[in-house]
């Protein structure tokens, strides 16, 4: 890894507006050597590859996930827990997982007890236009990004996520998941 990189391999699950914007931020700020997009939509993956959001596209979880240092769950909030659980058999024990869901308590509670190295988070950013074709690294710059650890969250993983968020240009706010949801 070059000195500026935080991760060798980042996997973004869901390469829409937020996932795509994170991918562009990673690329522009040299935060990873390799970025893989995992999505069920071939058009989103094709657009993400064409825009330079990701280096590689995948449709399904598999052994290839062993290379992931960070997994970002950028799928709809209702699918985050099941998505993480489907990836778990393929991940290294030290892989950090975070999400961008708008609700936290249920997600954090479920994923903290699953044995995953999970740190809940929520970038307070968006646009009236969706899809990866509207992604922009600037979307995250100066945005508030809430990180929601609880008493069971790995403190080293929390710090790594805070560093990542800060280097994307966002401003970190740390609160517990229940307070976030209120």
C-alpha atoms as a PDB file:
ATOM      1  CA  UNK A   1       0.000   0.000   0.000  1.00  0.00           C
ATOM      2  CA  UNK A   2       1.065   3.559  -0.641  1.00  0.00           C
ATOM      3  CA  UNK A   3       1.361   5.768   2.462  1.00  0.00           C
ATOM      4  CA  UNK A   4      -2.002   7.475   1.826  1.00  0.00           C
ATOM      5  CA  UNK A   5      -4.015   4.249   1.555  1.00  0.00           C
ATOM      6  CA  UNK A   6      -6.022   3.012   4.512  1.00  0.00           C
ATOM      7  CA  UNK A   7      -7.115  -0.258   2.921  1.00  0.00           C
ATOM      8  CA  UNK A   8      -5.818  -2.593   0.264  1.00  0.00           C
ATOM      9  CA  UNK A   9      -9.266  -3.746  -0.912  1.00  0.00           C
ATOM     10  CA  UNK A  10     -12.657  -2.107  -0.324  1.00  0.00           C
ATOM     11  CA  UNK A  11     -15.937  -3.740  -1.359  1.00  0.00           C
ATOM     12  CA  UNK A  12     -18.976  -1.537  -1.894  1.00  0.00           C
ATOM     13  CA  UNK A  13     -22.249  -3.450  -1.726  1.00  0.00           C
ATOM     14  CA  UNK A  14     -24.726  -1.350  -3.697  1.00  0.00           C
ATOM     15  CA  UNK A  15     -23.198   1.057  -6.199  1.00  0.00           C
ATOM     16  CA  UNK A  16     -25.949   3.644  -6.327  1.00  0.00           C
ATOM     17  CA  UNK A  17     -25.713   7.330  -5.439  1.00  0.00           C
ATOM     18  CA  UNK A  18     -24.113   6.934  -1.988  1.00  0.00           C
ATOM     19  CA  UNK A  19     -22.046   3.820  -2.747  1.00  0.00           C
ATOM     20  CA  UNK A  20     -20.873   5.397  -5.992  1.00  0.00           C
ATOM     21  CA  UNK A  21     -19.991   8.674  -4.276  1.00  0.00           C
ATOM     22  CA  UNK A  22     -17.979   6.774  -1.655  1.00  0.00           C
ATOM     23  CA  UNK A  23     -16.203   4.864  -4.431  1.00  0.00           C
ATOM     24  CA  UNK A  24     -15.304   8.096  -6.231  1.00  0.00           C
ATOM     25  CA  UNK A  25     -14.052   9.579  -2.961  1.00  0.00           C
ATOM     26  CA  UNK A  26     -11.890   6.514  -2.338  1.00  0.00           C
ATOM     27  CA  UNK A  27     -10.411   6.782  -5.820  1.00  0.00           C
ATOM     28  CA  UNK A  28      -9.815  10.552  -5.724  1.00  0.00           C
ATOM     29  CA  UNK A  29      -8.215  10.448  -2.291  1.00  0.00           C
ATOM     30  CA  UNK A  30      -6.220   7.233  -2.820  1.00  0.00           C
ATOM     31  CA  UNK A  31      -7.764   5.463   0.177  1.00  0.00           C
ATOM     32  CA  UNK A  32      -7.527   1.937  -1.284  1.00  0.00           C
ATOM     33  CA  UNK A  33      -5.565  -0.004  -3.875  1.00  0.00           C
ATOM     34  CA  UNK A  34      -8.588  -1.839  -5.248  1.00  0.00           C
ATOM     35  CA  UNK A  35     -12.347  -1.150  -5.131  1.00  0.00           C
ATOM     36  CA  UNK A  36     -14.872  -3.877  -5.945  1.00  0.00           C
ATOM     37  CA  UNK A  37     -18.566  -3.213  -6.514  1.00  0.00           C
ATOM     38  CA  UNK A  38     -21.103  -5.875  -5.574  1.00  0.00           C
ATOM     39  CA  UNK A  39     -24.563  -5.261  -6.971  1.00  0.00           C
ATOM     40  CA  UNK A  40     -27.447  -7.216  -8.508  1.00  0.00           C
ATOM     41  CA  UNK A  41     -27.957  -4.568 -11.202  1.00  0.00           C
ATOM     42  CA  UNK A  42     -25.663  -5.086 -14.203  1.00  0.00           C
ATOM     43  CA  UNK A  43     -26.356  -1.565 -15.517  1.00  0.00           C
ATOM     44  CA  UNK A  44     -25.234  -0.013 -12.225  1.00  0.00           C
ATOM     45  CA  UNK A  45     -22.053  -2.085 -12.251  1.00  0.00           C
ATOM     46  CA  UNK A  46     -21.354  -1.228 -15.896  1.00  0.00           C
ATOM     47  CA  UNK A  47     -21.843   2.491 -15.198  1.00  0.00           C
ATOM     48  CA  UNK A  48     -19.673   2.283 -12.056  1.00  0.00           C
ATOM     49  CA  UNK A  49     -16.863   0.643 -14.032  1.00  0.00           C
ATOM     50  CA  UNK A  50     -17.172   3.216 -16.815  1.00  0.00           C
ATOM     51  CA  UNK A  51     -17.056   6.135 -14.359  1.00  0.00           C
ATOM     52  CA  UNK A  52     -14.029   4.745 -12.512  1.00  0.00           C
ATOM     53  CA  UNK A  53     -16.025   4.251  -9.297  1.00  0.00           C
ATOM     54  CA  UNK A  54     -14.853   0.633  -9.042  1.00  0.00           C
ATOM     55  CA  UNK A  55     -12.058  -1.496 -10.487  1.00  0.00           C
ATOM     56  CA  UNK A  56     -14.027  -4.716 -10.602  1.00  0.00           C
ATOM     57  CA  UNK A  57     -17.688  -5.746 -10.661  1.00  0.00           C
ATOM     58  CA  UNK A  58     -19.288  -8.740  -8.941  1.00  0.00           C
ATOM     59  CA  UNK A  59     -22.869 -10.019  -8.965  1.00  0.00           C
ATOM     60  CA  UNK A  60     -22.604 -12.559  -6.145  1.00  0.00           C
ATOM     61  CA  UNK A  61     -20.773 -13.100  -2.887  1.00  0.00           C
ATOM     62  CA  UNK A  62     -18.027 -15.672  -2.972  1.00  0.00           C
ATOM     63  CA  UNK A  63     -14.503 -16.659  -2.022  1.00  0.00           C
ATOM     64  CA  UNK A  64     -13.241 -13.446  -3.670  1.00  0.00           C
ATOM     65  CA  UNK A  65     -14.488 -11.561  -0.559  1.00  0.00           C
ATOM     66  CA  UNK A  66     -11.488 -12.926   1.381  1.00  0.00           C
ATOM     67  CA  UNK A  67      -9.496 -10.033  -0.089  1.00  0.00           C
ATOM     68  CA  UNK A  68     -11.760  -7.384   1.487  1.00  0.00           C
ATOM     69  CA  UNK A  69     -10.311  -5.197   4.247  1.00  0.00           C
ATOM     70  CA  UNK A  70     -13.408  -2.988   4.378  1.00  0.00           C
ATOM     71  CA  UNK A  71     -16.963  -3.743   3.258  1.00  0.00           C
ATOM     72  CA  UNK A  72     -19.390  -0.844   2.899  1.00  0.00           C
ATOM     73  CA  UNK A  73     -23.049  -1.868   2.891  1.00  0.00           C
ATOM     74  CA  UNK A  74     -24.708   0.795   0.739  1.00  0.00           C
ATOM     75  CA  UNK A  75     -27.884  -1.120   0.023  1.00  0.00           C
ATOM     76  CA  UNK A  76     -31.349  -0.134   1.330  1.00  0.00           C
ATOM     77  CA  UNK A  77     -31.578  -0.149   5.142  1.00  0.00           C
ATOM     78  CA  UNK A  78     -34.085  -3.016   5.172  1.00  0.00           C
ATOM     79  CA  UNK A  79     -31.544  -5.309   3.458  1.00  0.00           C
ATOM     80  CA  UNK A  80     -28.379  -4.419   5.391  1.00  0.00           C
ATOM     81  CA  UNK A  81     -28.557  -7.154   8.049  1.00  0.00           C
ATOM     82  CA  UNK A  82     -29.362  -9.950   5.595  1.00  0.00           C
ATOM     83  CA  UNK A  83     -26.737  -8.665   3.169  1.00  0.00           C
ATOM     84  CA  UNK A  84     -24.032  -8.678   5.862  1.00  0.00           C
ATOM     85  CA  UNK A  85     -25.039 -12.154   7.003  1.00  0.00           C
ATOM     86  CA  UNK A  86     -24.804 -13.486   3.435  1.00  0.00           C
ATOM     87  CA  UNK A  87     -21.255 -12.105   3.103  1.00  0.00           C
ATOM     88  CA  UNK A  88     -20.023 -13.320   6.505  1.00  0.00           C
ATOM     89  CA  UNK A  89     -18.997 -16.874   5.486  1.00  0.00           C
ATOM     90  CA  UNK A  90     -16.550 -15.441   2.937  1.00  0.00           C
ATOM     91  CA  UNK A  91     -14.936 -12.655   5.007  1.00  0.00           C
ATOM     92  CA  UNK A  92     -11.696 -12.705   6.986  1.00  0.00           C
ATOM     93  CA  UNK A  93     -12.229 -12.310  10.753  1.00  0.00           C
ATOM     94  CA  UNK A  94     -10.504  -8.899  10.709  1.00  0.00           C
ATOM     95  CA  UNK A  95     -12.541  -7.421   7.837  1.00  0.00           C
ATOM     96  CA  UNK A  96     -14.265  -4.228   8.974  1.00  0.00           C
ATOM     97  CA  UNK A  97     -17.868  -3.766   7.888  1.00  0.00           C
ATOM     98  CA  UNK A  98     -19.805  -0.523   7.950  1.00  0.00           C
ATOM     99  CA  UNK A  99     -23.076   0.625   6.470  1.00  0.00           C
ATOM    100  CA  UNK A 100     -24.742   3.817   5.300  1.00  0.00           C
ATOM    101  CA  UNK A 101     -28.271   3.030   6.503  1.00  0.00           C
ATOM    102  CA  UNK A 102     -30.548   5.710   7.878  1.00  0.00           C
ATOM    103  CA  UNK A 103     -31.613   3.691  10.949  1.00  0.00           C
ATOM    104  CA  UNK A 104     -29.070   2.227  13.295  1.00  0.00           C
ATOM    105  CA  UNK A 105     -30.253   0.523  16.518  1.00  0.00           C
ATOM    106  CA  UNK A 106     -31.651  -2.656  14.947  1.00  0.00           C
ATOM    107  CA  UNK A 107     -28.783  -2.972  12.453  1.00  0.00           C
ATOM    108  CA  UNK A 108     -26.072  -2.427  15.077  1.00  0.00           C
ATOM    109  CA  UNK A 109     -27.721  -4.803  17.556  1.00  0.00           C
ATOM    110  CA  UNK A 110     -28.110  -7.585  14.981  1.00  0.00           C
ATOM    111  CA  UNK A 111     -24.654  -7.259  13.441  1.00  0.00           C
ATOM    112  CA  UNK A 112     -22.773  -6.785  16.724  1.00  0.00           C
ATOM    113  CA  UNK A 113     -24.075 -10.149  17.945  1.00  0.00           C
ATOM    114  CA  UNK A 114     -23.288 -11.915  14.650  1.00  0.00           C
ATOM    115  CA  UNK A 115     -19.534 -11.962  15.216  1.00  0.00           C
ATOM    116  CA  UNK A 116     -18.822  -9.450  12.461  1.00  0.00           C
ATOM    117  CA  UNK A 117     -16.391  -6.581  13.030  1.00  0.00           C
ATOM    118  CA  UNK A 118     -19.181  -4.081  12.395  1.00  0.00           C
ATOM    119  CA  UNK A 119     -19.261  -0.299  12.892  1.00  0.00           C
ATOM    120  CA  UNK A 120     -22.583   1.377  12.159  1.00  0.00           C
ATOM    121  CA  UNK A 121     -22.476   4.654  10.276  1.00  0.00           C
ATOM    122  CA  UNK A 122     -24.721   7.046   8.369  1.00  0.00           C
ATOM    123  CA  UNK A 123     -23.539   9.779   6.009  1.00  0.00           C
ATOM    124  CA  UNK A 124     -25.963  12.691   6.123  1.00  0.00           C
ATOM    125  CA  UNK A 125     -25.727  13.284   2.396  1.00  0.00           C
ATOM    126  CA  UNK A 126     -27.905  12.696  -0.608  1.00  0.00           C
ATOM    127  CA  UNK A 127     -29.505  14.153  -3.670  1.00  0.00           C
ATOM    128  CA  UNK A 128     -32.902  14.285  -5.297  1.00  0.00           C
ATOM    129  CA  UNK A 129     -31.273  12.279  -8.107  1.00  0.00           C
ATOM    130  CA  UNK A 130     -30.416   8.641  -7.471  1.00  0.00           C
ATOM    131  CA  UNK A 131     -28.188   6.097  -9.139  1.00  0.00           C
ATOM    132  CA  UNK A 132     -24.472   5.798  -9.664  1.00  0.00           C
ATOM    133  CA  UNK A 133     -24.650   8.073 -12.712  1.00  0.00           C
ATOM    134  CA  UNK A 134     -25.331  10.940 -10.281  1.00  0.00           C
ATOM    135  CA  UNK A 135     -22.544   9.987  -7.867  1.00  0.00           C
ATOM    136  CA  UNK A 136     -19.969  12.589  -6.890  1.00  0.00           C
ATOM    137  CA  UNK A 137     -17.138  12.561  -4.378  1.00  0.00           C
ATOM    138  CA  UNK A 138     -18.149  16.155  -3.587  1.00  0.00           C
ATOM    139  CA  UNK A 139     -21.441  14.819  -2.161  1.00  0.00           C
ATOM    140  CA  UNK A 140     -19.544  13.697   0.956  1.00  0.00           C
ATOM    141  CA  UNK A 141     -17.298  16.721   1.394  1.00  0.00           C
ATOM    142  CA  UNK A 142     -18.197  18.609   4.575  1.00  0.00           C
ATOM    143  CA  UNK A 143     -21.199  16.322   5.112  1.00  0.00           C
ATOM    144  CA  UNK A 144     -21.951  15.171   8.640  1.00  0.00           C
ATOM    145  CA  UNK A 145     -21.259  11.418   8.913  1.00  0.00           C
ATOM    146  CA  UNK A 146     -22.602   9.788  12.058  1.00  0.00           C
ATOM    147  CA  UNK A 147     -20.664   6.814  13.464  1.00  0.00           C
ATOM    148  CA  UNK A 148     -22.740   4.738  15.899  1.00  0.00           C
ATOM    149  CA  UNK A 149     -20.672   2.347  18.024  1.00  0.00           C
ATOM    150  CA  UNK A 150     -22.035   0.660  21.111  1.00  0.00           C
ATOM    151  CA  UNK A 151     -20.294  -0.991  24.061  1.00  0.00           C
ATOM    152  CA  UNK A 152     -19.527  -4.099  21.974  1.00  0.00           C
ATOM    153  CA  UNK A 153     -17.942  -2.319  19.009  1.00  0.00           C
ATOM    154  CA  UNK A 154     -14.250  -2.930  18.302  1.00  0.00           C
ATOM    155  CA  UNK A 155     -12.562   0.391  19.182  1.00  0.00           C
ATOM    156  CA  UNK A 156      -9.790  -0.076  16.613  1.00  0.00           C
ATOM    157  CA  UNK A 157     -12.412  -0.605  13.891  1.00  0.00           C
ATOM    158  CA  UNK A 158     -14.267   2.533  15.047  1.00  0.00           C
ATOM    159  CA  UNK A 159     -11.076   4.585  14.761  1.00  0.00           C
ATOM    160  CA  UNK A 160     -10.352   3.193  11.296  1.00  0.00           C
ATOM    161  CA  UNK A 161     -13.870   4.133  10.125  1.00  0.00           C
ATOM    162  CA  UNK A 162     -13.493   7.622  11.618  1.00  0.00           C
ATOM    163  CA  UNK A 163     -10.162   8.045   9.798  1.00  0.00           C
ATOM    164  CA  UNK A 164     -11.752   6.808   6.564  1.00  0.00           C
ATOM    165  CA  UNK A 165     -14.726   9.171   6.851  1.00  0.00           C
ATOM    166  CA  UNK A 166     -12.478  12.135   7.680  1.00  0.00           C
ATOM    167  CA  UNK A 167     -10.216  11.380   4.727  1.00  0.00           C
ATOM    168  CA  UNK A 168     -13.279  11.265   2.463  1.00  0.00           C
ATOM    169  CA  UNK A 169     -13.811  14.890   3.513  1.00  0.00           C
ATOM    170  CA  UNK A 170     -16.793  14.364   5.816  1.00  0.00           C
ATOM    171  CA  UNK A 171     -17.165  15.494   9.432  1.00  0.00           C
ATOM    172  CA  UNK A 172     -17.484  12.676  11.982  1.00  0.00           C
ATOM    173  CA  UNK A 173     -20.079  12.778  14.733  1.00  0.00           C
ATOM    174  CA  UNK A 174     -20.102   9.837  17.159  1.00  0.00           C
ATOM    175  CA  UNK A 175     -23.314   8.937  18.995  1.00  0.00           C
ATOM    176  CA  UNK A 176     -24.908   5.713  20.163  1.00  0.00           C
ATOM    177  CA  UNK A 177     -27.360   3.977  17.803  1.00  0.00           C
ATOM    178  CA  UNK A 178     -30.480   4.663  19.880  1.00  0.00           C
ATOM    179  CA  UNK A 179     -29.765   8.395  20.115  1.00  0.00           C
ATOM    180  CA  UNK A 180     -29.148   8.488  16.351  1.00  0.00           C
ATOM    181  CA  UNK A 181     -32.554   6.957  15.680  1.00  0.00           C
ATOM    182  CA  UNK A 182     -34.343   9.454  17.935  1.00  0.00           C
END
